[in-house]
Amino acid sequence: MAKTNSKVHKIKCINCTHASLLQWFENPVIAQCNIRKDRMVAESEHSCDLFRDAGPRKLDIKHFDHYSDED
């Protein structure tokens, strides 16, 4: 088994420049990746090789008050 020297960093999508933030009702905020086109809970920790830190900013969260297939 080959060893690698790269460190795995845990990130949160809520801090990434590639994420659009969405929230339905009072549910957790969801991050939709503008590159991978998938969705994750924005505050969950995981590793991602595409992560780019957005730095300090006001969060722009799109809020929904209904569920729809078009969201």
N, C-alpha and C. Protein backbone atom coordinates (compact mmCIF):
# COMPACT_ATOMS: atom_id res chain seq x y z
N MET A 1 0.84 -1.18 0.00
CA MET A 1 0.00 0.00 0.00
C MET A 1 0.89 1.25 0.00
N ALA A 2 0.66 2.16 -0.92
CA ALA A 2 1.47 3.37 -1.03
C ALA A 2 1.02 4.40 0.01
N LYS A 3 2.00 5.06 0.60
CA LYS A 3 1.70 6.12 1.56
C LYS A 3 1.79 7.47 0.87
N THR A 4 0.96 8.39 1.30
CA THR A 4 1.02 9.74 0.75
C THR A 4 1.38 10.71 1.86
N ASN A 5 2.01 11.80 1.50
CA ASN A 5 2.40 12.82 2.47
C ASN A 5 1.37 13.92 2.60
N SER A 6 0.34 13.91 1.75
CA SER A 6 -0.65 14.97 1.81
C SER A 6 -1.55 14.79 3.03
N LYS A 7 -1.87 15.90 3.66
CA LYS A 7 -2.75 15.88 4.83
C LYS A 7 -4.18 16.07 4.38
N VAL A 8 -5.08 15.37 5.03
CA VAL A 8 -6.50 15.52 4.75
C VAL A 8 -7.03 16.60 5.67
N HIS A 9 -7.60 17.64 5.09
CA HIS A 9 -8.17 18.74 5.86
C HIS A 9 -9.68 18.63 5.84
N LYS A 10 -10.27 18.75 7.01
CA LYS A 10 -11.72 18.75 7.10
C LYS A 10 -12.21 20.17 6.86
N ILE A 11 -13.19 20.30 5.99
CA ILE A 11 -13.75 21.61 5.62
C ILE A 11 -15.25 21.60 5.82
N LYS A 12 -15.86 22.77 5.72
CA LYS A 12 -17.30 22.92 5.71
C LYS A 12 -17.67 23.71 4.47
N CYS A 13 -18.64 23.22 3.72
CA CYS A 13 -19.05 23.88 2.48
C CYS A 13 -19.53 25.31 2.71
N ILE A 14 -20.04 25.60 3.90
CA ILE A 14 -20.55 26.94 4.19
C ILE A 14 -19.43 27.99 4.05
N ASN A 15 -18.18 27.56 4.13
CA ASN A 15 -17.03 28.47 4.03
C ASN A 15 -16.39 28.48 2.64
N CYS A 16 -17.02 27.85 1.66
CA CYS A 16 -16.41 27.71 0.33
C CYS A 16 -17.00 28.70 -0.68
N THR A 17 -16.14 29.22 -1.53
CA THR A 17 -16.59 30.14 -2.57
C THR A 17 -17.44 29.46 -3.63
N HIS A 18 -17.35 28.15 -3.76
CA HIS A 18 -18.09 27.42 -4.79
C HIS A 18 -19.52 27.06 -4.36
N ALA A 19 -19.91 27.39 -3.15
CA ALA A 19 -21.21 26.96 -2.62
C ALA A 19 -22.27 28.04 -2.72
N SER A 20 -23.45 27.62 -3.16
CA SER A 20 -24.65 28.44 -3.06
C SER A 20 -25.42 27.89 -1.86
N LEU A 21 -25.85 28.77 -0.97
CA LEU A 21 -26.48 28.34 0.28
C LEU A 21 -27.99 28.43 0.19
N LEU A 22 -28.66 27.35 0.58
CA LEU A 22 -30.11 27.22 0.48
C LEU A 22 -30.67 26.74 1.81
N GLN A 23 -31.88 27.20 2.16
CA GLN A 23 -32.52 26.73 3.38
C GLN A 23 -34.03 26.68 3.20
N TRP A 24 -34.61 25.53 3.53
CA TRP A 24 -36.05 25.34 3.50
C TRP A 24 -36.57 25.38 4.93
N PHE A 25 -37.52 26.26 5.17
CA PHE A 25 -38.13 26.42 6.49
C PHE A 25 -37.03 26.63 7.53
N GLU A 26 -37.06 25.90 8.64
CA GLU A 26 -36.05 26.02 9.70
C GLU A 26 -35.05 24.86 9.66
N ASN A 27 -34.97 24.18 8.54
CA ASN A 27 -34.05 23.05 8.38
C ASN A 27 -32.61 23.55 8.28
N PRO A 28 -31.63 22.64 8.42
CA PRO A 28 -30.23 23.06 8.27
C PRO A 28 -29.97 23.69 6.90
N VAL A 29 -28.98 24.55 6.83
CA VAL A 29 -28.59 25.18 5.57
C VAL A 29 -27.92 24.12 4.69
N ILE A 30 -28.28 24.12 3.42
CA ILE A 30 -27.72 23.20 2.43
C ILE A 30 -26.79 23.98 1.51
N ALA A 31 -25.65 23.38 1.19
CA ALA A 31 -24.71 23.98 0.24
C ALA A 31 -24.80 23.22 -1.07
N GLN A 32 -25.07 23.94 -2.13
CA GLN A 32 -25.06 23.34 -3.46
C GLN A 32 -23.76 23.73 -4.13
N CYS A 33 -22.96 22.74 -4.47
CA CYS A 33 -21.66 23.00 -5.10
C CYS A 33 -21.88 23.43 -6.54
N ASN A 34 -21.34 24.59 -6.89
CA ASN A 34 -21.49 25.11 -8.25
C ASN A 34 -20.56 24.42 -9.25
N ILE A 35 -19.66 23.57 -8.75
CA ILE A 35 -18.77 22.82 -9.64
C ILE A 35 -19.26 21.38 -9.78
N ARG A 36 -19.44 20.70 -8.66
CA ARG A 36 -19.86 19.29 -8.69
C ARG A 36 -21.36 19.11 -8.89
N LYS A 37 -22.13 20.17 -8.66
CA LYS A 37 -23.59 20.14 -8.81
C LYS A 37 -24.26 19.18 -7.83
N ASP A 38 -23.64 18.95 -6.67
CA ASP A 38 -24.27 18.14 -5.64
C ASP A 38 -24.58 19.00 -4.43
N ARG A 39 -25.30 18.44 -3.47
CA ARG A 39 -25.70 19.17 -2.27
C ARG A 39 -25.27 18.43 -1.02
N MET A 40 -24.89 19.22 0.00
CA MET A 40 -24.51 18.67 1.30
C MET A 40 -25.01 19.62 2.37
N VAL A 41 -25.13 19.12 3.60
CA VAL A 41 -25.42 19.99 4.72
C VAL A 41 -24.22 20.93 4.86
N ALA A 42 -24.46 22.22 4.84
CA ALA A 42 -23.38 23.21 4.75
C ALA A 42 -22.43 23.19 5.93
N GLU A 43 -22.90 22.79 7.12
CA GLU A 43 -22.06 22.80 8.31
C GLU A 43 -21.39 21.45 8.58
N SER A 44 -21.63 20.43 7.72
CA SER A 44 -21.01 19.13 7.95
C SER A 44 -19.55 19.16 7.54
N GLU A 45 -18.71 18.45 8.31
CA GLU A 45 -17.28 18.41 8.02
C GLU A 45 -16.97 17.22 7.11
N HIS A 46 -16.16 17.47 6.10
CA HIS A 46 -15.71 16.43 5.19
C HIS A 46 -14.48 16.94 4.45
N SER A 47 -13.88 16.12 3.62
CA SER A 47 -12.74 16.58 2.83
C SER A 47 -13.19 16.86 1.40
N CYS A 48 -12.57 17.85 0.77
CA CYS A 48 -12.90 18.21 -0.60
C CYS A 48 -11.68 18.86 -1.25
N ASP A 49 -11.29 18.33 -2.38
CA ASP A 49 -10.13 18.87 -3.09
C ASP A 49 -10.44 20.15 -3.86
N LEU A 50 -11.72 20.52 -3.97
CA LEU A 50 -12.11 21.74 -4.68
C LEU A 50 -12.35 22.93 -3.76
N PHE A 51 -12.24 22.73 -2.45
CA PHE A 51 -12.55 23.78 -1.47
C PHE A 51 -11.67 25.01 -1.68
N ARG A 52 -12.33 26.17 -1.67
CA ARG A 52 -11.64 27.47 -1.71
C ARG A 52 -12.29 28.34 -0.64
N ASP A 53 -11.50 28.76 0.33
CA ASP A 53 -12.01 29.52 1.48
C ASP A 53 -12.55 30.88 1.02
N ALA A 54 -13.78 31.15 1.38
CA ALA A 54 -14.42 32.42 1.01
C ALA A 54 -14.03 33.54 1.96
N GLY A 55 -13.41 33.21 3.09
CA GLY A 55 -13.01 34.23 4.05
C GLY A 55 -14.21 34.83 4.77
N PRO A 56 -13.96 35.82 5.60
CA PRO A 56 -15.07 36.44 6.34
C PRO A 56 -16.01 37.20 5.40
N ARG A 57 -17.30 36.94 5.57
CA ARG A 57 -18.29 37.60 4.72
C ARG A 57 -19.66 37.41 5.33
N LYS A 58 -20.61 38.19 4.87
CA LYS A 58 -22.00 38.00 5.27
C LYS A 58 -22.54 36.85 4.43
N LEU A 59 -23.16 35.87 5.08
CA LEU A 59 -23.67 34.71 4.36
C LEU A 59 -24.91 35.09 3.56
N ASP A 60 -24.93 34.71 2.31
CA ASP A 60 -26.07 34.95 1.43
C ASP A 60 -26.82 33.63 1.29
N ILE A 61 -27.88 33.46 2.09
CA ILE A 61 -28.65 32.22 2.10
C ILE A 61 -30.00 32.46 1.43
N LYS A 62 -30.30 31.66 0.42
CA LYS A 62 -31.60 31.75 -0.26
C LYS A 62 -32.60 30.91 0.53
N HIS A 63 -33.66 31.55 1.03
CA HIS A 63 -34.66 30.89 1.87
C HIS A 63 -35.88 30.48 1.05
N PHE A 64 -36.42 29.31 1.39
CA PHE A 64 -37.61 28.78 0.72
C PHE A 64 -38.68 28.50 1.76
N ASP A 65 -39.94 28.74 1.40
CA ASP A 65 -41.05 28.45 2.31
C ASP A 65 -41.95 27.35 1.75
N HIS A 66 -41.45 26.62 0.74
CA HIS A 66 -42.17 25.48 0.19
C HIS A 66 -41.16 24.57 -0.51
N TYR A 67 -41.57 23.33 -0.73
CA TYR A 67 -40.74 22.38 -1.46
C TYR A 67 -41.23 22.32 -2.90
N SER A 68 -40.29 22.22 -3.84
CA SER A 68 -40.64 22.16 -5.24
C SER A 68 -39.58 21.37 -5.98
N ASP A 69 -39.94 20.72 -7.07
CA ASP A 69 -38.98 19.98 -7.88
C ASP A 69 -38.02 20.91 -8.61
N GLU A 70 -38.35 22.19 -8.69
CA GLU A 70 -37.53 23.15 -9.43
C GLU A 70 -36.47 23.82 -8.57
N ASP A 71 -36.42 23.56 -7.26
CA ASP A 71 -35.44 24.21 -6.36
C ASP A 71 -34.08 23.63 -6.52
